[in-house]
N, C-alpha and C. Protein backbone atom coordinates (compact mmCIF):
# COMPACT_ATOMS: atom_id res chain seq x y z
N MET A 1 41.37 64.98 -15.92
CA MET A 1 40.39 64.35 -16.77
C MET A 1 40.96 63.12 -17.41
N GLY A 2 42.25 63.16 -17.76
CA GLY A 2 42.92 62.00 -18.36
C GLY A 2 43.01 60.85 -17.46
N ARG A 3 43.15 61.11 -16.20
CA ARG A 3 43.20 60.01 -15.19
C ARG A 3 41.80 59.39 -15.07
N LEU A 4 40.79 60.17 -15.13
CA LEU A 4 39.36 59.64 -15.03
C LEU A 4 39.13 58.73 -16.26
N LYS A 5 39.51 59.18 -17.38
CA LYS A 5 39.35 58.34 -18.59
C LYS A 5 40.16 57.04 -18.47
N SER A 6 41.28 57.11 -17.93
CA SER A 6 42.16 55.96 -17.76
C SER A 6 41.55 54.96 -16.77
N LEU A 7 41.02 55.54 -15.68
CA LEU A 7 40.36 54.70 -14.65
C LEU A 7 39.05 54.03 -15.28
N GLY A 8 38.29 54.78 -16.01
CA GLY A 8 37.08 54.26 -16.62
C GLY A 8 37.38 53.20 -17.67
N LEU A 9 38.43 53.39 -18.38
CA LEU A 9 38.91 52.48 -19.41
C LEU A 9 39.39 51.18 -18.72
N SER A 10 40.06 51.27 -17.63
CA SER A 10 40.54 50.10 -16.88
C SER A 10 39.36 49.28 -16.32
N ALA A 11 38.35 50.01 -15.75
CA ALA A 11 37.20 49.39 -15.26
C ALA A 11 36.44 48.64 -16.32
N PHE A 12 36.31 49.32 -17.51
CA PHE A 12 35.64 48.70 -18.64
C PHE A 12 36.37 47.44 -19.11
N VAL A 13 37.72 47.48 -19.22
CA VAL A 13 38.51 46.30 -19.60
C VAL A 13 38.33 45.19 -18.60
N ALA A 14 38.36 45.54 -17.27
CA ALA A 14 38.21 44.50 -16.28
C ALA A 14 36.85 43.87 -16.39
N LEU A 15 35.80 44.60 -16.60
CA LEU A 15 34.46 44.10 -16.66
C LEU A 15 34.35 43.18 -17.94
N MET A 16 34.96 43.61 -19.06
CA MET A 16 34.88 42.82 -20.29
C MET A 16 35.64 41.51 -20.08
N GLY A 17 36.76 41.61 -19.34
CA GLY A 17 37.58 40.44 -19.10
C GLY A 17 36.85 39.39 -18.21
N LEU A 18 36.09 39.91 -17.20
CA LEU A 18 35.32 39.07 -16.33
C LEU A 18 34.14 38.42 -17.12
N THR A 19 33.55 39.15 -18.00
CA THR A 19 32.40 38.65 -18.84
C THR A 19 32.91 37.56 -19.71
N ILE A 20 34.10 37.79 -20.40
CA ILE A 20 34.62 36.78 -21.31
C ILE A 20 35.03 35.53 -20.51
N THR A 21 35.53 35.68 -19.34
CA THR A 21 35.91 34.53 -18.47
C THR A 21 34.64 33.68 -18.14
N VAL A 22 33.67 34.37 -17.71
CA VAL A 22 32.40 33.71 -17.31
C VAL A 22 31.80 32.95 -18.55
N LEU A 23 31.85 33.60 -19.68
CA LEU A 23 31.33 32.92 -20.90
C LEU A 23 32.19 31.72 -21.26
N ALA A 24 33.50 31.85 -21.19
CA ALA A 24 34.39 30.76 -21.47
C ALA A 24 34.12 29.57 -20.57
N ILE A 25 33.99 29.81 -19.25
CA ILE A 25 33.72 28.77 -18.28
C ILE A 25 32.37 28.10 -18.54
N SER A 26 31.41 28.91 -18.88
CA SER A 26 30.09 28.36 -19.22
C SER A 26 30.15 27.44 -20.43
N LEU A 27 30.92 27.79 -21.44
CA LEU A 27 31.00 27.00 -22.59
C LEU A 27 31.74 25.72 -22.28
N LEU A 28 32.82 25.82 -21.53
CA LEU A 28 33.53 24.62 -21.18
C LEU A 28 32.73 23.63 -20.35
N ILE A 29 31.95 24.11 -19.46
CA ILE A 29 31.15 23.20 -18.64
C ILE A 29 30.16 22.50 -19.47
N ASN A 30 29.66 23.10 -20.48
CA ASN A 30 28.64 22.41 -21.34
C ASN A 30 29.30 21.45 -22.38
N ILE A 31 30.61 21.41 -22.46
CA ILE A 31 31.22 20.42 -23.30
C ILE A 31 31.41 19.17 -22.40
N PRO A 32 30.81 18.03 -22.84
CA PRO A 32 30.75 16.82 -21.99
C PRO A 32 32.04 16.40 -21.38
N LEU A 33 33.11 16.37 -22.14
CA LEU A 33 34.43 15.93 -21.64
C LEU A 33 34.92 16.84 -20.48
N VAL A 34 34.81 18.14 -20.75
CA VAL A 34 35.23 19.12 -19.71
C VAL A 34 34.27 19.12 -18.53
N ARG A 35 33.00 19.02 -18.82
CA ARG A 35 32.01 19.08 -17.78
C ARG A 35 32.15 17.87 -16.84
N ASP A 36 32.53 16.70 -17.32
CA ASP A 36 32.71 15.54 -16.51
C ASP A 36 33.91 15.69 -15.59
N VAL A 37 34.93 16.41 -16.04
CA VAL A 37 36.10 16.66 -15.24
C VAL A 37 35.82 17.71 -14.19
N VAL A 38 35.10 18.79 -14.56
CA VAL A 38 34.87 19.88 -13.67
C VAL A 38 33.75 19.57 -12.65
N LEU A 39 32.70 18.92 -13.16
CA LEU A 39 31.56 18.54 -12.32
C LEU A 39 31.34 17.01 -12.43
N PRO A 40 31.98 16.27 -11.51
CA PRO A 40 31.88 14.78 -11.57
C PRO A 40 30.39 14.35 -11.44
N ARG A 41 30.11 13.27 -12.14
CA ARG A 41 28.75 12.71 -12.07
C ARG A 41 28.46 12.10 -10.76
N GLN A 42 27.18 12.13 -10.39
CA GLN A 42 26.82 11.52 -9.17
C GLN A 42 26.59 10.01 -9.47
N VAL A 43 27.15 9.17 -8.56
CA VAL A 43 27.13 7.69 -8.72
C VAL A 43 25.88 7.19 -8.03
N ALA A 44 25.12 6.28 -8.69
CA ALA A 44 23.92 5.76 -8.08
C ALA A 44 24.23 4.92 -6.87
N SER A 45 23.37 4.99 -5.87
CA SER A 45 23.53 4.29 -4.64
C SER A 45 23.39 2.80 -4.82
N THR A 46 24.02 1.99 -4.03
CA THR A 46 23.94 0.57 -4.14
C THR A 46 22.86 0.03 -3.14
N ILE A 47 22.05 0.93 -2.52
CA ILE A 47 20.98 0.59 -1.65
C ILE A 47 19.86 -0.08 -2.43
N GLU A 48 19.47 -1.19 -1.99
CA GLU A 48 18.33 -1.87 -2.69
C GLU A 48 16.98 -1.17 -2.39
N VAL A 49 16.29 -0.96 -3.48
CA VAL A 49 14.97 -0.30 -3.32
C VAL A 49 13.93 -1.36 -3.28
N VAL A 50 13.12 -1.37 -2.17
CA VAL A 50 12.03 -2.35 -2.03
C VAL A 50 10.80 -1.77 -2.70
N PRO A 51 10.11 -2.59 -3.59
CA PRO A 51 8.96 -2.08 -4.22
C PRO A 51 7.87 -1.67 -3.23
N GLU A 52 7.19 -0.64 -3.59
CA GLU A 52 6.07 -0.12 -2.73
C GLU A 52 4.96 -1.09 -2.68
N VAL A 53 4.41 -1.30 -1.47
CA VAL A 53 3.20 -2.13 -1.28
C VAL A 53 2.06 -1.35 -1.86
N VAL A 54 1.25 -2.08 -2.67
CA VAL A 54 0.10 -1.42 -3.26
C VAL A 54 -1.17 -1.81 -2.51
N TYR A 55 -1.87 -0.79 -1.99
CA TYR A 55 -3.11 -1.03 -1.27
C TYR A 55 -4.23 -0.51 -2.10
N PRO A 56 -5.36 -0.95 -1.91
CA PRO A 56 -6.55 -0.41 -2.65
C PRO A 56 -6.74 1.04 -2.36
N SER A 57 -7.31 1.73 -3.32
CA SER A 57 -7.60 3.14 -3.09
C SER A 57 -8.69 3.28 -2.08
N ALA A 58 -8.84 4.40 -1.48
CA ALA A 58 -9.79 4.62 -0.42
C ALA A 58 -11.22 4.21 -0.78
N THR A 59 -11.56 4.32 -2.05
CA THR A 59 -12.95 3.95 -2.41
C THR A 59 -13.11 2.46 -2.48
N ASP A 60 -12.01 1.73 -2.46
CA ASP A 60 -12.10 0.23 -2.51
C ASP A 60 -11.84 -0.45 -1.16
N ILE A 61 -11.68 0.37 -0.11
CA ILE A 61 -11.44 -0.22 1.21
C ILE A 61 -12.79 -0.47 1.86
N TYR A 62 -13.04 -1.73 2.22
CA TYR A 62 -14.41 -2.05 2.87
C TYR A 62 -14.17 -2.36 4.26
N GLN A 63 -15.16 -1.92 5.11
CA GLN A 63 -15.10 -2.17 6.45
C GLN A 63 -15.90 -3.40 6.85
N VAL A 64 -15.22 -4.34 7.51
CA VAL A 64 -15.87 -5.55 7.86
C VAL A 64 -15.64 -5.91 9.33
N GLU A 65 -16.45 -6.79 9.85
CA GLU A 65 -16.20 -7.34 11.18
C GLU A 65 -16.11 -8.82 11.01
N ILE A 66 -15.42 -9.43 12.00
CA ILE A 66 -15.26 -10.86 11.97
C ILE A 66 -15.79 -11.46 13.28
N ARG A 67 -16.60 -12.46 13.20
CA ARG A 67 -17.14 -13.17 14.30
C ARG A 67 -16.76 -14.64 14.31
N ASN A 68 -16.35 -15.07 15.43
CA ASN A 68 -15.93 -16.51 15.54
C ASN A 68 -17.08 -17.32 15.89
N GLY A 69 -17.59 -18.08 14.96
CA GLY A 69 -18.82 -18.92 15.13
C GLY A 69 -18.52 -20.37 15.34
N VAL A 70 -17.20 -20.67 15.54
CA VAL A 70 -16.79 -22.02 15.61
C VAL A 70 -16.21 -22.36 17.02
N GLY A 71 -15.72 -21.28 17.68
CA GLY A 71 -15.13 -21.46 19.06
C GLY A 71 -13.71 -21.86 19.07
N VAL A 72 -13.00 -21.88 17.95
CA VAL A 72 -11.60 -22.18 17.90
C VAL A 72 -10.78 -20.94 18.25
N GLN A 73 -10.02 -20.94 19.31
CA GLN A 73 -9.30 -19.82 19.80
C GLN A 73 -8.37 -19.31 18.68
N GLY A 74 -8.36 -17.97 18.44
CA GLY A 74 -7.51 -17.32 17.52
C GLY A 74 -8.00 -17.32 16.06
N ALA A 75 -9.10 -17.99 15.78
CA ALA A 75 -9.65 -18.04 14.46
C ALA A 75 -9.93 -16.66 13.85
N ALA A 76 -10.66 -15.87 14.67
CA ALA A 76 -10.99 -14.54 14.18
C ALA A 76 -9.77 -13.62 13.98
N GLU A 77 -8.77 -13.79 14.82
CA GLU A 77 -7.59 -13.00 14.74
C GLU A 77 -6.79 -13.41 13.47
N GLN A 78 -6.74 -14.70 13.18
CA GLN A 78 -6.05 -15.18 11.92
C GLN A 78 -6.80 -14.61 10.76
N MET A 79 -8.11 -14.61 10.77
CA MET A 79 -8.90 -14.08 9.66
C MET A 79 -8.66 -12.60 9.53
N ARG A 80 -8.54 -11.89 10.59
CA ARG A 80 -8.23 -10.44 10.60
C ARG A 80 -6.90 -10.19 9.83
N THR A 81 -5.88 -10.92 10.21
CA THR A 81 -4.60 -10.75 9.60
C THR A 81 -4.67 -10.99 8.08
N TYR A 82 -5.38 -12.05 7.77
CA TYR A 82 -5.55 -12.39 6.25
C TYR A 82 -6.28 -11.29 5.52
N LEU A 83 -7.39 -10.78 6.07
CA LEU A 83 -8.15 -9.73 5.39
C LEU A 83 -7.47 -8.42 5.30
N ARG A 84 -6.72 -8.08 6.39
CA ARG A 84 -5.97 -6.83 6.33
C ARG A 84 -4.90 -6.94 5.19
N SER A 85 -4.27 -8.05 5.02
CA SER A 85 -3.28 -8.28 3.96
C SER A 85 -3.91 -8.05 2.61
N LYS A 86 -5.25 -8.24 2.55
CA LYS A 86 -6.00 -8.08 1.28
C LYS A 86 -6.55 -6.65 1.10
N GLY A 87 -6.33 -5.78 2.07
CA GLY A 87 -6.69 -4.42 1.96
C GLY A 87 -8.03 -4.08 2.63
N TYR A 88 -8.60 -5.02 3.41
CA TYR A 88 -9.88 -4.72 4.08
C TYR A 88 -9.62 -4.00 5.41
N ASP A 89 -10.54 -3.18 5.82
CA ASP A 89 -10.43 -2.50 7.06
C ASP A 89 -11.28 -3.27 8.12
N VAL A 90 -10.61 -4.09 8.94
CA VAL A 90 -11.31 -4.98 9.90
C VAL A 90 -11.55 -4.04 11.11
N VAL A 91 -12.78 -3.68 11.34
CA VAL A 91 -13.20 -2.80 12.46
C VAL A 91 -13.51 -3.42 13.72
N GLU A 92 -13.85 -4.69 13.65
CA GLU A 92 -14.24 -5.44 14.85
C GLU A 92 -13.95 -6.92 14.75
N VAL A 93 -13.47 -7.48 15.81
CA VAL A 93 -13.23 -8.94 15.92
C VAL A 93 -13.83 -9.46 17.25
N GLY A 94 -14.52 -10.58 17.18
CA GLY A 94 -15.05 -11.13 18.44
C GLY A 94 -15.79 -12.45 18.22
N ASN A 95 -16.39 -12.91 19.27
CA ASN A 95 -17.14 -14.18 19.20
C ASN A 95 -18.60 -13.86 18.65
N HIS A 96 -19.08 -14.90 17.96
CA HIS A 96 -20.49 -14.82 17.50
C HIS A 96 -21.31 -15.26 18.71
N SER A 97 -22.61 -15.09 18.59
CA SER A 97 -23.54 -15.39 19.70
C SER A 97 -23.53 -16.90 20.06
N SER A 98 -23.07 -17.71 19.10
CA SER A 98 -22.95 -19.19 19.39
C SER A 98 -21.77 -19.71 18.62
N PHE A 99 -21.37 -20.92 19.03
CA PHE A 99 -20.23 -21.56 18.39
C PHE A 99 -20.66 -22.79 17.56
N ASP A 100 -21.89 -22.73 17.05
CA ASP A 100 -22.39 -23.87 16.32
C ASP A 100 -22.67 -23.58 14.87
N VAL A 101 -22.00 -22.58 14.32
CA VAL A 101 -22.19 -22.22 12.92
C VAL A 101 -21.54 -23.18 12.03
N GLU A 102 -22.27 -23.82 11.14
CA GLU A 102 -21.78 -24.92 10.25
C GLU A 102 -20.87 -24.45 9.16
N GLN A 103 -21.34 -23.42 8.43
CA GLN A 103 -20.61 -22.91 7.32
C GLN A 103 -20.32 -21.43 7.53
N THR A 104 -19.13 -21.03 7.05
CA THR A 104 -18.69 -19.60 7.06
C THR A 104 -19.63 -18.80 6.16
N ILE A 105 -20.10 -17.74 6.62
CA ILE A 105 -21.04 -16.90 5.87
C ILE A 105 -20.61 -15.44 5.88
N ILE A 106 -20.99 -14.74 4.85
CA ILE A 106 -20.79 -13.26 4.72
C ILE A 106 -22.18 -12.67 4.85
N VAL A 107 -22.26 -11.63 5.71
CA VAL A 107 -23.52 -11.00 5.95
C VAL A 107 -23.47 -9.55 5.45
N ASP A 108 -24.24 -9.25 4.42
CA ASP A 108 -24.33 -7.92 3.83
C ASP A 108 -25.00 -7.02 4.82
N ARG A 109 -24.33 -5.90 5.25
CA ARG A 109 -24.97 -5.00 6.26
C ARG A 109 -25.50 -3.69 5.68
N ILE A 110 -25.22 -3.45 4.35
CA ILE A 110 -25.63 -2.11 3.81
C ILE A 110 -26.46 -2.23 2.48
N GLY A 111 -26.73 -3.48 2.14
CA GLY A 111 -27.57 -3.65 0.88
C GLY A 111 -26.68 -3.53 -0.41
N ASN A 112 -25.41 -3.75 -0.29
CA ASN A 112 -24.58 -3.71 -1.50
C ASN A 112 -23.94 -5.08 -1.67
N LEU A 113 -24.58 -5.92 -2.42
CA LEU A 113 -24.17 -7.33 -2.65
C LEU A 113 -22.80 -7.46 -3.33
N SER A 114 -22.42 -6.40 -4.11
CA SER A 114 -21.12 -6.48 -4.78
C SER A 114 -19.96 -6.44 -3.83
N ILE A 115 -20.11 -5.71 -2.71
CA ILE A 115 -19.04 -5.75 -1.65
C ILE A 115 -19.00 -7.11 -1.04
N SER A 116 -20.15 -7.65 -0.67
CA SER A 116 -20.20 -8.99 -0.06
C SER A 116 -19.67 -10.03 -1.00
N ASN A 117 -19.97 -9.90 -2.27
CA ASN A 117 -19.37 -10.84 -3.25
C ASN A 117 -17.94 -10.77 -3.30
N GLU A 118 -17.37 -9.56 -3.19
CA GLU A 118 -15.92 -9.39 -3.20
C GLU A 118 -15.25 -10.04 -1.95
N VAL A 119 -15.91 -9.84 -0.83
CA VAL A 119 -15.42 -10.46 0.42
C VAL A 119 -15.43 -11.93 0.32
N ALA A 120 -16.52 -12.45 -0.16
CA ALA A 120 -16.68 -13.96 -0.39
C ALA A 120 -15.63 -14.44 -1.31
N SER A 121 -15.40 -13.72 -2.38
CA SER A 121 -14.37 -14.10 -3.39
C SER A 121 -12.98 -14.17 -2.75
N SER A 122 -12.65 -13.20 -1.83
CA SER A 122 -11.37 -13.03 -1.22
C SER A 122 -11.18 -14.31 -0.30
N LEU A 123 -12.27 -14.96 0.15
CA LEU A 123 -12.18 -16.05 1.06
C LEU A 123 -12.38 -17.31 0.27
N GLY A 124 -12.53 -17.28 -1.03
CA GLY A 124 -12.73 -18.45 -1.78
C GLY A 124 -14.14 -19.08 -1.63
N LEU A 125 -15.02 -18.22 -1.26
CA LEU A 125 -16.45 -18.72 -1.03
C LEU A 125 -17.35 -18.30 -2.18
N SER A 126 -18.30 -19.07 -2.45
CA SER A 126 -19.32 -18.73 -3.47
C SER A 126 -20.36 -17.79 -3.00
N SER A 127 -21.13 -17.17 -3.87
CA SER A 127 -22.12 -16.21 -3.49
C SER A 127 -23.31 -16.81 -2.68
N ASP A 128 -23.48 -18.11 -2.74
CA ASP A 128 -24.52 -18.72 -1.96
C ASP A 128 -24.26 -18.63 -0.43
N ARG A 129 -23.07 -18.23 -0.06
CA ARG A 129 -22.73 -18.00 1.37
C ARG A 129 -23.05 -16.65 1.84
N ILE A 130 -23.66 -15.81 0.99
CA ILE A 130 -23.98 -14.44 1.38
C ILE A 130 -25.42 -14.29 1.82
N GLN A 131 -25.56 -13.64 2.97
CA GLN A 131 -26.89 -13.40 3.50
C GLN A 131 -27.05 -11.87 3.63
N GLN A 132 -28.27 -11.40 3.66
CA GLN A 132 -28.46 -10.02 3.88
C GLN A 132 -29.16 -9.80 5.22
N ASP A 133 -28.62 -8.89 6.01
CA ASP A 133 -29.20 -8.46 7.27
C ASP A 133 -28.72 -6.95 7.46
N ILE A 134 -29.46 -6.09 6.75
CA ILE A 134 -29.05 -4.68 6.69
C ILE A 134 -29.17 -4.08 8.08
N ARG A 135 -28.05 -3.47 8.61
CA ARG A 135 -27.98 -2.90 9.87
C ARG A 135 -27.10 -1.63 9.75
N SER A 136 -27.70 -0.54 9.35
CA SER A 136 -26.93 0.73 9.20
C SER A 136 -26.30 1.17 10.50
N GLU A 137 -26.86 0.82 11.63
CA GLU A 137 -26.26 1.26 12.88
C GLU A 137 -24.92 0.54 13.14
N PHE A 138 -24.60 -0.49 12.43
CA PHE A 138 -23.28 -1.21 12.65
C PHE A 138 -22.12 -0.47 12.01
N HIS A 139 -22.43 0.43 11.13
CA HIS A 139 -21.42 1.28 10.40
C HIS A 139 -20.30 0.40 9.82
N LEU A 140 -20.69 -0.62 9.13
CA LEU A 140 -19.71 -1.47 8.37
C LEU A 140 -20.40 -2.05 7.15
N ASP A 141 -19.58 -2.56 6.21
CA ASP A 141 -20.09 -3.07 4.96
C ASP A 141 -20.59 -4.55 5.08
N ALA A 142 -19.83 -5.34 5.87
CA ALA A 142 -20.24 -6.74 5.87
C ALA A 142 -19.73 -7.35 7.21
N SER A 143 -20.30 -8.45 7.59
CA SER A 143 -19.87 -9.25 8.72
C SER A 143 -19.46 -10.64 8.15
N ILE A 144 -18.45 -11.16 8.75
CA ILE A 144 -17.98 -12.51 8.37
C ILE A 144 -18.07 -13.37 9.57
N ILE A 145 -18.87 -14.45 9.47
CA ILE A 145 -19.11 -15.34 10.57
C ILE A 145 -18.39 -16.66 10.25
N ILE A 146 -17.32 -16.98 11.02
CA ILE A 146 -16.57 -18.16 10.74
C ILE A 146 -17.30 -19.41 11.24
N GLY A 147 -17.38 -20.34 10.29
CA GLY A 147 -18.15 -21.60 10.66
C GLY A 147 -17.16 -22.74 10.81
N LYS A 148 -17.71 -23.95 11.03
CA LYS A 148 -16.93 -25.19 11.20
C LYS A 148 -16.16 -25.57 10.02
N ASP A 149 -16.47 -25.03 8.84
CA ASP A 149 -15.67 -25.34 7.64
C ASP A 149 -14.46 -24.47 7.43
N TYR A 150 -14.04 -23.77 8.55
CA TYR A 150 -12.99 -22.77 8.45
C TYR A 150 -11.66 -23.38 7.95
N GLY A 151 -11.45 -24.65 8.03
CA GLY A 151 -10.25 -25.25 7.53
C GLY A 151 -10.12 -25.24 6.08
N MET A 152 -11.16 -24.92 5.39
CA MET A 152 -11.22 -24.92 3.94
C MET A 152 -11.02 -23.53 3.34
N ILE A 153 -10.88 -22.47 4.21
CA ILE A 153 -10.78 -21.11 3.80
C ILE A 153 -9.39 -20.66 3.81
N PRO A 154 -8.94 -19.91 2.80
CA PRO A 154 -7.48 -19.51 2.64
C PRO A 154 -6.74 -19.12 3.93
N PRO A 155 -7.24 -18.31 4.85
CA PRO A 155 -6.47 -18.00 6.00
C PRO A 155 -6.03 -19.24 6.81
N PHE A 156 -6.81 -20.31 6.68
CA PHE A 156 -6.53 -21.50 7.50
C PHE A 156 -5.96 -22.66 6.61
N THR A 157 -6.08 -22.64 5.33
CA THR A 157 -5.58 -23.77 4.52
C THR A 157 -4.09 -23.87 4.54
N ALA A 158 -3.34 -22.77 4.64
CA ALA A 158 -1.92 -22.80 4.69
C ALA A 158 -1.47 -23.46 6.08
N LEU A 159 -2.19 -23.10 7.10
CA LEU A 159 -1.96 -23.66 8.42
C LEU A 159 -2.22 -25.15 8.48
N ALA A 160 -3.26 -25.62 7.79
CA ALA A 160 -3.55 -27.02 7.76
C ALA A 160 -2.50 -27.81 6.88
N ASP A 161 -2.01 -27.18 5.80
CA ASP A 161 -0.98 -27.77 5.03
C ASP A 161 0.30 -27.90 5.84
N THR A 162 0.60 -26.97 6.67
CA THR A 162 1.77 -26.99 7.48
C THR A 162 1.75 -28.05 8.52
N HIS A 163 0.59 -28.29 9.12
CA HIS A 163 0.44 -29.33 10.13
C HIS A 163 0.57 -30.74 9.48
N GLN A 164 0.01 -30.88 8.22
CA GLN A 164 0.09 -32.21 7.53
C GLN A 164 1.50 -32.52 7.18
N THR A 165 2.33 -31.52 6.73
CA THR A 165 3.67 -31.82 6.27
C THR A 165 4.55 -32.08 7.49
N SER A 166 4.24 -31.54 8.65
CA SER A 166 5.13 -31.73 9.82
C SER A 166 4.86 -33.05 10.53
N ASN A 167 3.71 -33.69 10.24
CA ASN A 167 3.40 -35.01 10.90
C ASN A 167 4.07 -36.16 10.20
């Protein structure tokens, strides 16, 4: 029985010693000077973080089509690139039924003039360039028909400036 008490007492002392050791280490790690030695700090990376591109929320994405009404090759594609950079969903690009459109116009297809006004504003056009021709079967908010004044619209003004400075 004496041996059993001795073994139990040894186990108890060992368990108490382990508990005290764990508590001591825990206290030391929480002391800033010791903690920095035991657990070195993580150093921030030198990788450059590029800011996230902000796009409009889904409720602000409008579906538009672009029609080339002037016959200049690539005009509708250049307009597509510009409008996509502004957050528009360009669902269709192609030629208009004729190439004799004088002024660029925005055609409201769903009866929501505020969308057409926003498209016109994105192109630097006034609201007098908006027409209504509601066509629910088109499944888009507005149509843009590029006219002969295309050189005065933002997607093309930078290109015109480049040609003038290179001559």
